[in-house]
């Protein structure tokens, strides 16, 4: 289960870095720019730890999909961005894909 804690932390670091990117003003603001670099480096380091135990397809699909949903949520909550019905359907499909891959699929089960 430790690998899933690494994956969750990698997702949080990436979303934090992406959020800071919004404040970096094209990397002209030093503090947000530094947070971007630290967030992305931390995220990739944590992904490397996750990949020691879990398959790359599962890890990357989960990391990217959860990051997409979290970034959209950050946009709505903190930047007054909106999501229309088509966006909500897309987000639901992304979440559904991650659930299917992680819970229902045998593609990445230990037997394979």
N, C-alpha and C. Protein backbone atom coordinates (compact mmCIF):
# COMPACT_ATOMS: atom_id res chain seq x y z
N UNK A 1 0.81 -1.21 0.00
CA UNK A 1 0.00 0.00 0.00
C UNK A 1 0.85 1.27 0.00
N UNK A 2 2.10 1.16 0.37
CA UNK A 2 2.98 2.32 0.40
C UNK A 2 3.08 2.97 -0.98
N UNK A 3 3.06 2.15 -2.04
CA UNK A 3 3.17 2.70 -3.39
C UNK A 3 1.98 3.60 -3.73
N UNK A 4 0.81 3.29 -3.19
CA UNK A 4 -0.34 4.16 -3.43
C UNK A 4 -0.23 5.47 -2.64
N UNK A 5 0.42 5.44 -1.50
CA UNK A 5 0.69 6.68 -0.77
C UNK A 5 1.66 7.54 -1.57
N UNK A 6 2.67 6.92 -2.16
CA UNK A 6 3.59 7.66 -3.03
C UNK A 6 2.85 8.26 -4.22
N UNK A 7 1.96 7.47 -4.80
CA UNK A 7 1.20 7.95 -5.95
C UNK A 7 0.31 9.12 -5.57
N UNK A 8 -0.36 9.03 -4.43
CA UNK A 8 -1.20 10.15 -3.97
C UNK A 8 -0.37 11.40 -3.73
N UNK A 9 0.80 11.23 -3.13
CA UNK A 9 1.68 12.38 -2.88
C UNK A 9 2.20 12.95 -4.20
N UNK A 10 2.48 12.08 -5.18
CA UNK A 10 2.92 12.55 -6.49
C UNK A 10 1.84 13.38 -7.17
N UNK A 11 0.61 12.93 -7.05
CA UNK A 11 -0.52 13.67 -7.63
C UNK A 11 -0.66 15.02 -6.94
N UNK A 12 -0.58 15.03 -5.62
CA UNK A 12 -0.70 16.29 -4.87
C UNK A 12 0.42 17.25 -5.24
N UNK A 13 1.63 16.75 -5.38
CA UNK A 13 2.77 17.61 -5.75
C UNK A 13 2.58 18.18 -7.15
N UNK A 14 2.09 17.37 -8.07
CA UNK A 14 1.88 17.84 -9.44
C UNK A 14 0.77 18.88 -9.50
N UNK A 15 -0.32 18.66 -8.78
CA UNK A 15 -1.42 19.62 -8.77
C UNK A 15 -0.97 20.92 -8.09
N UNK A 16 -0.19 20.80 -7.03
CA UNK A 16 0.37 22.00 -6.39
C UNK A 16 1.26 22.77 -7.34
N UNK A 17 2.11 22.06 -8.07
CA UNK A 17 2.99 22.70 -9.05
C UNK A 17 2.20 23.35 -10.17
N UNK A 18 1.17 22.68 -10.63
CA UNK A 18 0.34 23.24 -11.70
C UNK A 18 -0.42 24.47 -11.22
N UNK A 19 -0.90 24.43 -10.00
CA UNK A 19 -1.58 25.59 -9.42
C UNK A 19 -0.61 26.77 -9.32
N UNK A 20 0.60 26.51 -8.87
CA UNK A 20 1.61 27.57 -8.78
C UNK A 20 1.94 28.12 -10.16
N UNK A 21 1.87 27.28 -11.18
CA UNK A 21 2.13 27.73 -12.55
C UNK A 21 1.18 28.85 -12.95
N UNK A 22 -0.05 28.77 -12.47
CA UNK A 22 -1.04 29.81 -12.76
C UNK A 22 -0.58 31.16 -12.18
N UNK A 23 0.13 31.12 -11.05
CA UNK A 23 0.60 32.34 -10.39
C UNK A 23 1.99 32.79 -10.84
N UNK A 24 2.66 31.99 -11.64
CA UNK A 24 4.05 32.29 -11.98
C UNK A 24 4.19 33.41 -13.02
N UNK A 25 3.12 33.75 -13.70
CA UNK A 25 3.14 34.78 -14.74
C UNK A 25 4.27 34.53 -15.74
N UNK A 26 4.24 33.34 -16.32
CA UNK A 26 5.27 33.00 -17.32
C UNK A 26 6.65 32.89 -16.72
N UNK A 27 6.73 32.41 -15.50
CA UNK A 27 7.98 32.26 -14.75
C UNK A 27 8.66 33.59 -14.46
N UNK A 28 7.87 34.66 -14.34
CA UNK A 28 8.45 35.95 -13.96
C UNK A 28 8.33 36.21 -12.45
N UNK A 29 7.48 35.48 -11.76
CA UNK A 29 7.37 35.58 -10.30
C UNK A 29 8.17 34.45 -9.67
N UNK A 30 9.18 34.80 -8.91
CA UNK A 30 10.15 33.82 -8.41
C UNK A 30 9.55 32.75 -7.50
N UNK A 31 8.75 33.15 -6.52
CA UNK A 31 8.25 32.17 -5.55
C UNK A 31 7.32 31.15 -6.21
N UNK A 32 6.30 31.57 -6.94
CA UNK A 32 5.47 30.56 -7.60
C UNK A 32 6.27 29.71 -8.60
N UNK A 33 7.23 30.33 -9.28
CA UNK A 33 8.06 29.57 -10.23
C UNK A 33 8.86 28.50 -9.52
N UNK A 34 9.40 28.83 -8.35
CA UNK A 34 10.16 27.84 -7.56
C UNK A 34 9.24 26.71 -7.09
N UNK A 35 8.01 27.06 -6.72
CA UNK A 35 7.05 26.03 -6.29
C UNK A 35 6.73 25.10 -7.46
N UNK A 36 6.63 25.64 -8.66
CA UNK A 36 6.39 24.80 -9.85
C UNK A 36 7.50 23.78 -9.99
N UNK A 37 8.74 24.24 -9.95
CA UNK A 37 9.90 23.35 -10.14
C UNK A 37 9.95 22.30 -9.04
N UNK A 38 9.80 22.72 -7.79
CA UNK A 38 9.84 21.78 -6.66
C UNK A 38 8.67 20.79 -6.75
N UNK A 39 7.49 21.30 -7.10
CA UNK A 39 6.32 20.43 -7.21
C UNK A 39 6.49 19.37 -8.28
N UNK A 40 6.97 19.78 -9.46
CA UNK A 40 7.14 18.80 -10.54
C UNK A 40 8.28 17.83 -10.26
N UNK A 41 9.38 18.34 -9.74
CA UNK A 41 10.49 17.42 -9.38
C UNK A 41 10.06 16.43 -8.31
N UNK A 42 9.36 16.94 -7.30
CA UNK A 42 8.86 16.05 -6.25
C UNK A 42 7.89 15.02 -6.80
N UNK A 43 7.02 15.46 -7.69
CA UNK A 43 6.05 14.55 -8.28
C UNK A 43 6.74 13.43 -9.05
N UNK A 44 7.72 13.79 -9.87
CA UNK A 44 8.41 12.75 -10.65
C UNK A 44 9.25 11.83 -9.76
N UNK A 45 9.83 12.37 -8.71
CA UNK A 45 10.56 11.50 -7.78
C UNK A 45 9.60 10.50 -7.13
N UNK A 46 8.47 10.98 -6.67
CA UNK A 46 7.48 10.09 -6.05
C UNK A 46 6.93 9.09 -7.05
N UNK A 47 6.76 9.51 -8.30
CA UNK A 47 6.34 8.56 -9.34
C UNK A 47 7.39 7.46 -9.52
N UNK A 48 8.67 7.83 -9.46
CA UNK A 48 9.72 6.83 -9.61
C UNK A 48 9.65 5.79 -8.49
N UNK A 49 9.30 6.24 -7.29
CA UNK A 49 9.14 5.29 -6.18
C UNK A 49 7.93 4.39 -6.40
N UNK A 50 6.86 4.97 -6.91
CA UNK A 50 5.65 4.21 -7.20
C UNK A 50 5.92 3.13 -8.25
N UNK A 51 6.72 3.50 -9.26
CA UNK A 51 6.98 2.58 -10.36
C UNK A 51 7.87 1.40 -9.97
N UNK A 52 8.45 1.44 -8.79
CA UNK A 52 9.22 0.28 -8.31
C UNK A 52 8.30 -0.90 -8.02
N UNK A 53 7.02 -0.61 -7.75
CA UNK A 53 6.08 -1.67 -7.37
C UNK A 53 4.89 -1.82 -8.31
N UNK A 54 4.51 -0.77 -8.99
CA UNK A 54 3.31 -0.82 -9.82
C UNK A 54 3.66 -0.63 -11.29
N UNK A 55 2.83 -1.17 -12.19
CA UNK A 55 3.10 -1.06 -13.63
C UNK A 55 2.95 0.38 -14.14
N UNK A 56 3.74 0.72 -15.12
CA UNK A 56 3.78 2.08 -15.65
C UNK A 56 2.43 2.53 -16.22
N UNK A 57 1.73 1.66 -16.90
CA UNK A 57 0.43 2.04 -17.47
C UNK A 57 -0.57 2.43 -16.40
N UNK A 58 -0.65 1.63 -15.36
CA UNK A 58 -1.55 1.91 -14.25
C UNK A 58 -1.16 3.21 -13.55
N UNK A 59 0.11 3.37 -13.28
CA UNK A 59 0.59 4.55 -12.56
C UNK A 59 0.36 5.82 -13.38
N UNK A 60 0.76 5.81 -14.62
CA UNK A 60 0.64 7.02 -15.43
C UNK A 60 -0.82 7.37 -15.69
N UNK A 61 -1.63 6.38 -15.98
CA UNK A 61 -3.05 6.65 -16.21
C UNK A 61 -3.70 7.24 -14.96
N UNK A 62 -3.39 6.69 -13.82
CA UNK A 62 -3.98 7.19 -12.57
C UNK A 62 -3.46 8.58 -12.24
N UNK A 63 -2.15 8.77 -12.33
CA UNK A 63 -1.53 10.06 -12.02
C UNK A 63 -2.09 11.16 -12.91
N UNK A 64 -2.13 10.91 -14.20
CA UNK A 64 -2.58 11.95 -15.12
C UNK A 64 -4.08 12.21 -14.98
N UNK A 65 -4.88 11.16 -14.86
CA UNK A 65 -6.33 11.34 -14.78
C UNK A 65 -6.74 12.04 -13.49
N UNK A 66 -6.21 11.60 -12.38
CA UNK A 66 -6.57 12.24 -11.11
C UNK A 66 -6.04 13.68 -11.10
N UNK A 67 -4.88 13.90 -11.69
CA UNK A 67 -4.35 15.26 -11.80
C UNK A 67 -5.25 16.16 -12.63
N UNK A 68 -5.78 15.64 -13.72
CA UNK A 68 -6.70 16.40 -14.57
C UNK A 68 -7.94 16.81 -13.78
N UNK A 69 -8.53 15.85 -13.09
CA UNK A 69 -9.75 16.13 -12.33
C UNK A 69 -9.44 17.12 -11.20
N UNK A 70 -8.33 16.93 -10.50
CA UNK A 70 -7.97 17.82 -9.39
C UNK A 70 -7.68 19.24 -9.90
N UNK A 71 -6.99 19.35 -11.02
CA UNK A 71 -6.70 20.67 -11.58
C UNK A 71 -7.98 21.38 -12.00
N UNK A 72 -8.92 20.64 -12.57
CA UNK A 72 -10.21 21.24 -12.93
C UNK A 72 -10.95 21.71 -11.68
N UNK A 73 -10.89 20.93 -10.63
CA UNK A 73 -11.52 21.31 -9.36
C UNK A 73 -10.87 22.55 -8.76
N UNK A 74 -9.55 22.62 -8.80
CA UNK A 74 -8.83 23.81 -8.33
C UNK A 74 -9.28 25.03 -9.12
N UNK A 75 -9.40 24.88 -10.44
CA UNK A 75 -9.84 25.99 -11.27
C UNK A 75 -11.21 26.51 -10.88
N UNK A 76 -12.12 25.59 -10.60
CA UNK A 76 -13.48 25.97 -10.21
C UNK A 76 -13.48 26.62 -8.83
N UNK A 77 -12.78 26.02 -7.88
CA UNK A 77 -12.83 26.49 -6.50
C UNK A 77 -12.04 27.77 -6.25
N UNK A 78 -10.92 27.94 -6.94
CA UNK A 78 -10.02 29.04 -6.60
C UNK A 78 -9.84 30.09 -7.70
N UNK A 79 -10.21 29.77 -8.92
CA UNK A 79 -9.98 30.71 -10.02
C UNK A 79 -11.26 31.10 -10.75
N UNK A 80 -12.40 30.78 -10.15
CA UNK A 80 -13.69 31.16 -10.70
C UNK A 80 -13.88 30.66 -12.13
N UNK A 81 -13.31 29.50 -12.43
CA UNK A 81 -13.51 28.89 -13.74
C UNK A 81 -14.79 28.07 -13.70
N UNK A 82 -15.36 27.83 -14.85
CA UNK A 82 -16.60 27.06 -14.91
C UNK A 82 -16.38 25.78 -15.71
N UNK A 83 -17.24 24.82 -15.44
CA UNK A 83 -17.25 23.57 -16.19
C UNK A 83 -18.68 23.35 -16.68
N UNK A 84 -18.84 23.20 -17.98
CA UNK A 84 -20.18 22.98 -18.52
C UNK A 84 -20.53 21.49 -18.47
N UNK A 85 -21.70 21.17 -18.98
CA UNK A 85 -22.18 19.79 -18.94
C UNK A 85 -21.22 18.84 -19.66
N UNK A 86 -20.74 19.24 -20.82
CA UNK A 86 -19.80 18.38 -21.55
C UNK A 86 -18.53 18.16 -20.74
N UNK A 87 -18.06 19.21 -20.05
CA UNK A 87 -16.89 19.08 -19.19
C UNK A 87 -17.14 18.11 -18.04
N UNK A 88 -18.32 18.20 -17.44
CA UNK A 88 -18.67 17.28 -16.35
C UNK A 88 -18.74 15.83 -16.84
N UNK A 89 -19.29 15.64 -18.03
CA UNK A 89 -19.34 14.29 -18.60
C UNK A 89 -17.92 13.78 -18.84
N UNK A 90 -17.06 14.64 -19.39
CA UNK A 90 -15.67 14.25 -19.61
C UNK A 90 -14.96 13.89 -18.32
N UNK A 91 -15.16 14.69 -17.28
CA UNK A 91 -14.55 14.40 -15.98
C UNK A 91 -15.08 13.08 -15.42
N UNK A 92 -16.38 12.85 -15.56
CA UNK A 92 -16.96 11.58 -15.10
C UNK A 92 -16.35 10.40 -15.86
N UNK A 93 -16.13 10.56 -17.15
CA UNK A 93 -15.51 9.49 -17.94
C UNK A 93 -14.07 9.23 -17.49
N UNK A 94 -13.33 10.30 -17.19
CA UNK A 94 -11.95 10.15 -16.71
C UNK A 94 -11.95 9.38 -15.38
N UNK A 95 -12.83 9.79 -14.47
CA UNK A 95 -12.92 9.10 -13.17
C UNK A 95 -13.32 7.65 -13.37
N UNK A 96 -14.30 7.43 -14.23
CA UNK A 96 -14.72 6.06 -14.51
C UNK A 96 -13.60 5.22 -15.08
N UNK A 97 -12.81 5.79 -15.96
CA UNK A 97 -11.68 5.05 -16.53
C UNK A 97 -10.66 4.65 -15.48
N UNK A 98 -10.37 5.55 -14.56
CA UNK A 98 -9.42 5.24 -13.49
C UNK A 98 -9.98 4.14 -12.58
N UNK A 99 -11.26 4.21 -12.27
CA UNK A 99 -11.87 3.18 -11.43
C UNK A 99 -11.83 1.83 -12.13
N UNK A 100 -12.19 1.80 -13.40
CA UNK A 100 -12.17 0.54 -14.15
C UNK A 100 -10.75 -0.03 -14.18
N UNK A 101 -9.79 0.80 -14.48
CA UNK A 101 -8.40 0.35 -14.58
C UNK A 101 -7.88 -0.18 -13.24
N UNK A 102 -8.17 0.53 -12.17
CA UNK A 102 -7.63 0.17 -10.86
C UNK A 102 -8.41 -0.91 -10.13
N UNK A 103 -9.72 -0.98 -10.38
CA UNK A 103 -10.55 -1.89 -9.58
C UNK A 103 -11.04 -3.09 -10.39
N UNK A 104 -11.46 -2.87 -11.61
CA UNK A 104 -12.11 -3.94 -12.36
C UNK A 104 -11.20 -4.68 -13.33
N UNK A 105 -10.21 -4.00 -13.86
CA UNK A 105 -9.35 -4.60 -14.87
C UNK A 105 -8.38 -5.59 -14.25
N UNK A 106 -8.17 -6.69 -14.95
CA UNK A 106 -7.14 -7.65 -14.52
C UNK A 106 -5.83 -7.43 -15.28
N UNK A 107 -5.78 -6.44 -16.12
CA UNK A 107 -4.60 -6.16 -16.91
C UNK A 107 -3.37 -5.98 -16.03
N UNK A 108 -3.54 -5.28 -14.91
CA UNK A 108 -2.41 -4.99 -14.04
C UNK A 108 -2.47 -5.74 -12.73
N UNK A 109 -3.17 -6.85 -12.71
CA UNK A 109 -3.22 -7.65 -11.49
C UNK A 109 -1.88 -8.34 -11.28
N UNK A 110 -1.56 -8.71 -10.05
CA UNK A 110 -0.25 -9.35 -9.78
C UNK A 110 0.00 -10.62 -10.58
N UNK A 111 -1.05 -11.27 -11.05
CA UNK A 111 -0.87 -12.51 -11.81
C UNK A 111 -0.30 -12.27 -13.21
N UNK A 112 -0.37 -11.03 -13.70
CA UNK A 112 0.11 -10.74 -15.05
C UNK A 112 1.50 -10.21 -15.06
